[in-house]
Protein backbone atom coordinates (compact mmCIF):
# COMPACT_ATOMS: atom_id res chain seq x y z
CA UNK A 1 26.07 16.17 -8.51
CA UNK A 2 23.98 18.51 -6.37
CA UNK A 3 20.94 17.19 -4.57
CA UNK A 4 19.29 19.40 -2.01
CA UNK A 5 16.17 18.58 -0.06
CA UNK A 6 14.33 15.36 0.60
CA UNK A 7 15.68 12.27 -1.10
CA UNK A 8 14.52 8.77 -2.00
CA UNK A 9 17.15 6.46 -3.53
CA UNK A 10 17.20 3.11 -5.27
CA UNK A 11 20.61 1.46 -5.57
CA UNK A 12 20.62 -1.46 -8.00
CA UNK A 13 21.73 -2.73 -11.35
CA UNK A 14 19.68 -1.44 -14.25
CA UNK A 15 17.61 -4.59 -14.54
CA UNK A 16 13.93 -5.10 -15.28
CA UNK A 17 13.61 -7.31 -12.16
CA UNK A 18 14.59 -4.33 -9.96
CA UNK A 19 11.61 -2.47 -11.48
CA UNK A 20 13.21 0.97 -11.86
CA UNK A 21 10.34 2.13 -14.07
CA UNK A 22 7.89 1.12 -11.33
CA UNK A 23 10.00 3.08 -8.85
CA UNK A 24 9.70 6.17 -11.08
CA UNK A 25 5.93 5.69 -11.30
CA UNK A 26 5.63 5.34 -7.51
CA UNK A 27 7.85 8.39 -7.04
CA UNK A 28 5.62 10.46 -9.31
CA UNK A 29 2.62 9.53 -7.15
CA UNK A 30 4.58 10.66 -4.09
CA UNK A 31 5.48 13.95 -5.80
CA UNK A 32 1.77 14.76 -6.12
CA UNK A 33 1.72 15.16 -2.32
CA UNK A 34 5.36 16.09 -1.60
CA UNK A 35 6.47 18.20 -4.58
CA UNK A 36 10.01 18.85 -3.31
CA UNK A 37 11.04 15.19 -2.94
CA UNK A 38 13.77 13.93 -5.27
CA UNK A 39 14.61 10.47 -6.60
CA UNK A 40 18.11 9.13 -7.23
CA UNK A 41 18.47 5.95 -9.25
CA UNK A 42 22.02 4.75 -8.65
CA UNK A 43 23.27 1.76 -10.56
CA UNK A 44 26.25 -0.11 -11.81
CA UNK A 45 26.68 -0.73 -15.52
CA UNK A 46 28.27 -3.92 -16.74
CA UNK A 47 29.93 -3.46 -20.12
CA UNK A 48 28.88 -6.97 -21.18
CA UNK A 49 25.16 -6.66 -20.29
CA UNK A 50 23.14 -5.46 -23.31
CA UNK A 51 19.84 -5.84 -21.41
CA UNK A 52 21.19 -3.53 -18.69
CA UNK A 53 21.94 -0.89 -21.29
CA UNK A 54 18.39 -1.20 -22.64
CA UNK A 55 16.92 -0.76 -19.15
CA UNK A 56 19.27 2.18 -18.53
CA UNK A 57 18.00 3.86 -21.72
CA UNK A 58 14.38 3.25 -20.68
CA UNK A 59 15.06 4.73 -17.24
CA UNK A 60 16.86 7.74 -18.75
CA UNK A 61 13.96 8.31 -21.13
CA UNK A 62 11.41 8.03 -18.30
CA UNK A 63 13.43 10.48 -16.16
CA UNK A 64 14.03 12.88 -19.05
CA UNK A 65 12.74 16.42 -18.49
CA UNK A 66 12.23 15.82 -14.75
CA UNK A 67 14.94 17.78 -12.92
CA UNK A 68 14.11 16.01 -9.63
CA UNK A 69 14.96 12.52 -10.92
CA UNK A 70 18.70 11.85 -10.96
CA UNK A 71 20.25 8.84 -12.71
CA UNK A 72 23.82 7.95 -11.74
CA UNK A 73 26.10 5.08 -12.66
CA UNK A 74 29.63 3.89 -12.10
CA UNK A 75 30.33 5.34 -15.55
CA UNK A 76 29.35 8.83 -14.35
CA UNK A 77 31.65 8.73 -11.34
CA UNK A 78 29.49 7.02 -8.73
CA UNK A 79 31.41 4.38 -6.81
CA UNK A 80 31.29 2.79 -3.35
CA UNK A 81 31.82 6.05 -1.47
CA UNK A 82 28.99 7.79 -3.30
CA UNK A 83 26.64 4.80 -2.89
CA UNK A 84 27.37 4.87 0.84
CA UNK A 85 26.51 8.58 0.92
CA UNK A 86 23.24 8.05 -0.96
CA UNK A 87 22.22 5.25 1.41
CA UNK A 88 23.04 7.33 4.49
CA UNK A 89 21.56 10.65 3.35
CA UNK A 90 18.33 9.38 1.85
CA UNK A 91 15.21 9.53 3.96
CA UNK A 92 14.13 6.21 2.44
CA UNK A 93 15.84 3.65 0.23
CA UNK A 94 13.68 1.74 -2.26
CA UNK A 95 14.38 -1.78 -3.48
CA UNK A 96 11.20 -2.54 -5.41
CA UNK A 97 12.43 -5.83 -6.78
CA UNK A 98 10.03 -8.13 -8.58
CA UNK A 99 12.60 -10.95 -8.53
CA UNK A 100 15.63 -11.04 -6.24
CA UNK A 101 18.36 -13.18 -4.75
CA UNK A 102 19.27 -12.03 -1.26
CA UNK A 103 19.23 -8.31 -2.12
CA UNK A 104 22.32 -7.21 -0.21
CA UNK A 105 21.61 -3.53 -0.85
CA UNK A 106 18.70 -3.84 1.60
CA UNK A 107 20.98 -4.90 4.47
CA UNK A 108 23.53 -2.27 3.46
CA UNK A 109 20.91 0.46 3.79
CA UNK A 110 19.47 -0.94 7.02
CA UNK A 111 22.95 -1.14 8.53
CA UNK A 112 23.24 2.60 7.90
CA UNK A 113 19.98 3.21 9.75
CA UNK A 114 17.97 4.09 6.64
CA UNK A 115 14.51 2.53 6.38
CA UNK A 116 13.66 0.59 3.24
CA UNK A 117 10.56 0.19 1.09
CA UNK A 118 11.04 -3.09 -0.75
CA UNK A 119 9.31 -5.73 -2.84
CA UNK A 120 8.24 -9.14 -1.52
CA UNK A 121 10.95 -10.97 -3.46
CA UNK A 122 13.76 -13.42 -2.74
CA UNK A 123 15.65 -12.76 0.48
CA UNK A 124 14.19 -9.31 1.06
CA UNK A 125 11.46 -10.45 3.52
CA UNK A 126 14.19 -12.11 5.64
CA UNK A 127 15.86 -8.71 5.94
CA UNK A 128 12.65 -6.71 6.46
CA UNK A 129 10.38 -8.79 8.70
CA UNK A 130 7.06 -7.29 9.80
CA UNK A 131 7.65 -4.05 11.70
CA UNK A 132 11.45 -4.13 11.32
CA UNK A 133 13.57 -1.96 9.05
CA UNK A 134 10.96 -0.90 6.57
CA UNK A 135 7.83 -1.78 4.65
CA UNK A 136 7.23 -4.50 2.05
CA UNK A 137 5.12 -3.71 -0.99
CA UNK A 138 3.66 -5.53 -3.95
CA UNK A 139 2.57 -2.79 -6.35
CA UNK A 140 3.40 0.70 -7.54
CA UNK A 141 0.51 2.10 -5.50
CA UNK A 142 1.61 0.27 -2.35
CA UNK A 143 5.15 1.52 -2.90
CA UNK A 144 3.95 5.12 -3.20
CA UNK A 145 1.78 4.75 -0.10
CA UNK A 146 4.67 3.26 1.92
CA UNK A 147 7.00 6.04 0.78
CA UNK A 148 4.46 8.67 1.77
CA UNK A 149 3.94 7.02 5.16
CA UNK A 150 7.67 7.07 5.88
CA UNK A 151 8.31 10.53 4.46
CA UNK A 152 5.47 11.93 6.59
CA UNK A 153 6.64 10.33 9.85
CA UNK A 154 10.17 11.06 11.10
CA UNK A 155 9.60 8.97 14.26
CA UNK A 156 8.58 5.95 12.19
CA UNK A 157 11.64 6.39 9.95
CA UNK A 158 13.89 6.60 13.00
CA UNK A 159 12.30 3.56 14.68
CA UNK A 160 12.48 1.43 11.53
CA UNK A 161 16.05 2.60 10.86
CA UNK A 162 17.15 1.56 14.36
CA UNK A 163 15.34 -1.78 14.26
CA UNK A 164 16.72 -2.51 10.79
CA UNK A 165 20.28 -1.78 11.94
CA UNK A 166 19.84 -4.10 14.93
CA UNK A 167 18.27 -6.82 12.77
CA UNK A 168 21.25 -6.77 10.39
CA UNK A 169 23.64 -6.87 13.37
CA UNK A 170 21.87 -9.87 14.87
CA UNK A 171 21.33 -11.89 11.69
CA UNK A 172 23.61 -10.99 8.81
CA UNK A 173 27.07 -10.00 10.02
CA UNK A 174 30.10 -12.28 9.98
CA UNK A 175 30.53 -12.50 13.79
CA UNK A 176 27.07 -14.06 14.13
CA UNK A 177 27.84 -16.56 11.38
CA UNK A 178 31.17 -17.39 13.01
CA UNK A 179 29.47 -17.98 16.38
CA UNK A 180 27.02 -20.39 14.76
CA UNK A 181 29.91 -22.27 13.18
CA UNK A 182 31.70 -22.50 16.54
CA UNK A 183 28.51 -23.71 18.27
CA UNK A 184 28.10 -26.40 15.63
CA UNK A 185 31.69 -27.55 16.07
CA UNK A 186 31.28 -27.60 19.87
CA UNK A 187 28.06 -29.63 19.55
CA UNK A 188 29.72 -32.13 17.23
CA UNK A 189 32.73 -32.40 19.54
CA UNK A 190 30.63 -32.94 22.68
CA UNK A 191 28.58 -35.60 20.86
CA UNK A 192 31.73 -37.43 19.88
CA UNK A 193 31.26 -36.59 16.23
CA UNK A 194 34.05 -34.04 15.91
CA UNK A 195 37.05 -34.41 13.64
CA UNK A 196 39.48 -37.17 14.50
C-alpha cells in the first residue's frame, strides 16, 4: 500500500447510502484541476451483507484502470491502525452520506484535526456546524467544489481542522457526557427529587 502525494479519503462501509460512486465522480471533477490528488476508499466488509458486496464490486469497477483511486478493506489488511493513519494523513476526509445515523467517522476525523466534506444527513450537521470542522454538501458538484476549496487553501484546512477537533472535545467525548449526568443528578438532589 503505497500512496504518495495529496490524499482524499472516505472511510465507510460499502453502502449505497454512503454514496461511494458519488465520491468517485466528485473526485474525478477535482482531478481535472488537481491532477496529482489521490482518493482512498477505505471500508469494512461484513461477510453477511450481500448488498455491501454488490456496492464493493460497483466501486471496484468504477475505480478500475485509475491508478490514483485506491480501494481498501478489512479483507485486504486494513484495520483500525490503518484507518487512523488514513484519517490523519489525508488532507480532507469525505463522508458524502445520503442517509446516515450519527456518522461517527466524521467525529473520528475531526478529532484528528482533519477537515471533512460531508453530506447533509443524519447526525453529520451536528458534528459539522456552519464554519466548524468542514463543509456540508448536497450534490456531487458541491462536493467537488468543497474539496477544491479545501485542497487549495492550507489555512482554511488548518482552521477547520482545529475548530473540528475542539467541537468534538466540547460536545462528543465521554467526559462532557459524564459532567452532564453529574449536573443532572446534582439538580435532582438539590430539588429534593434525588434517589431515596
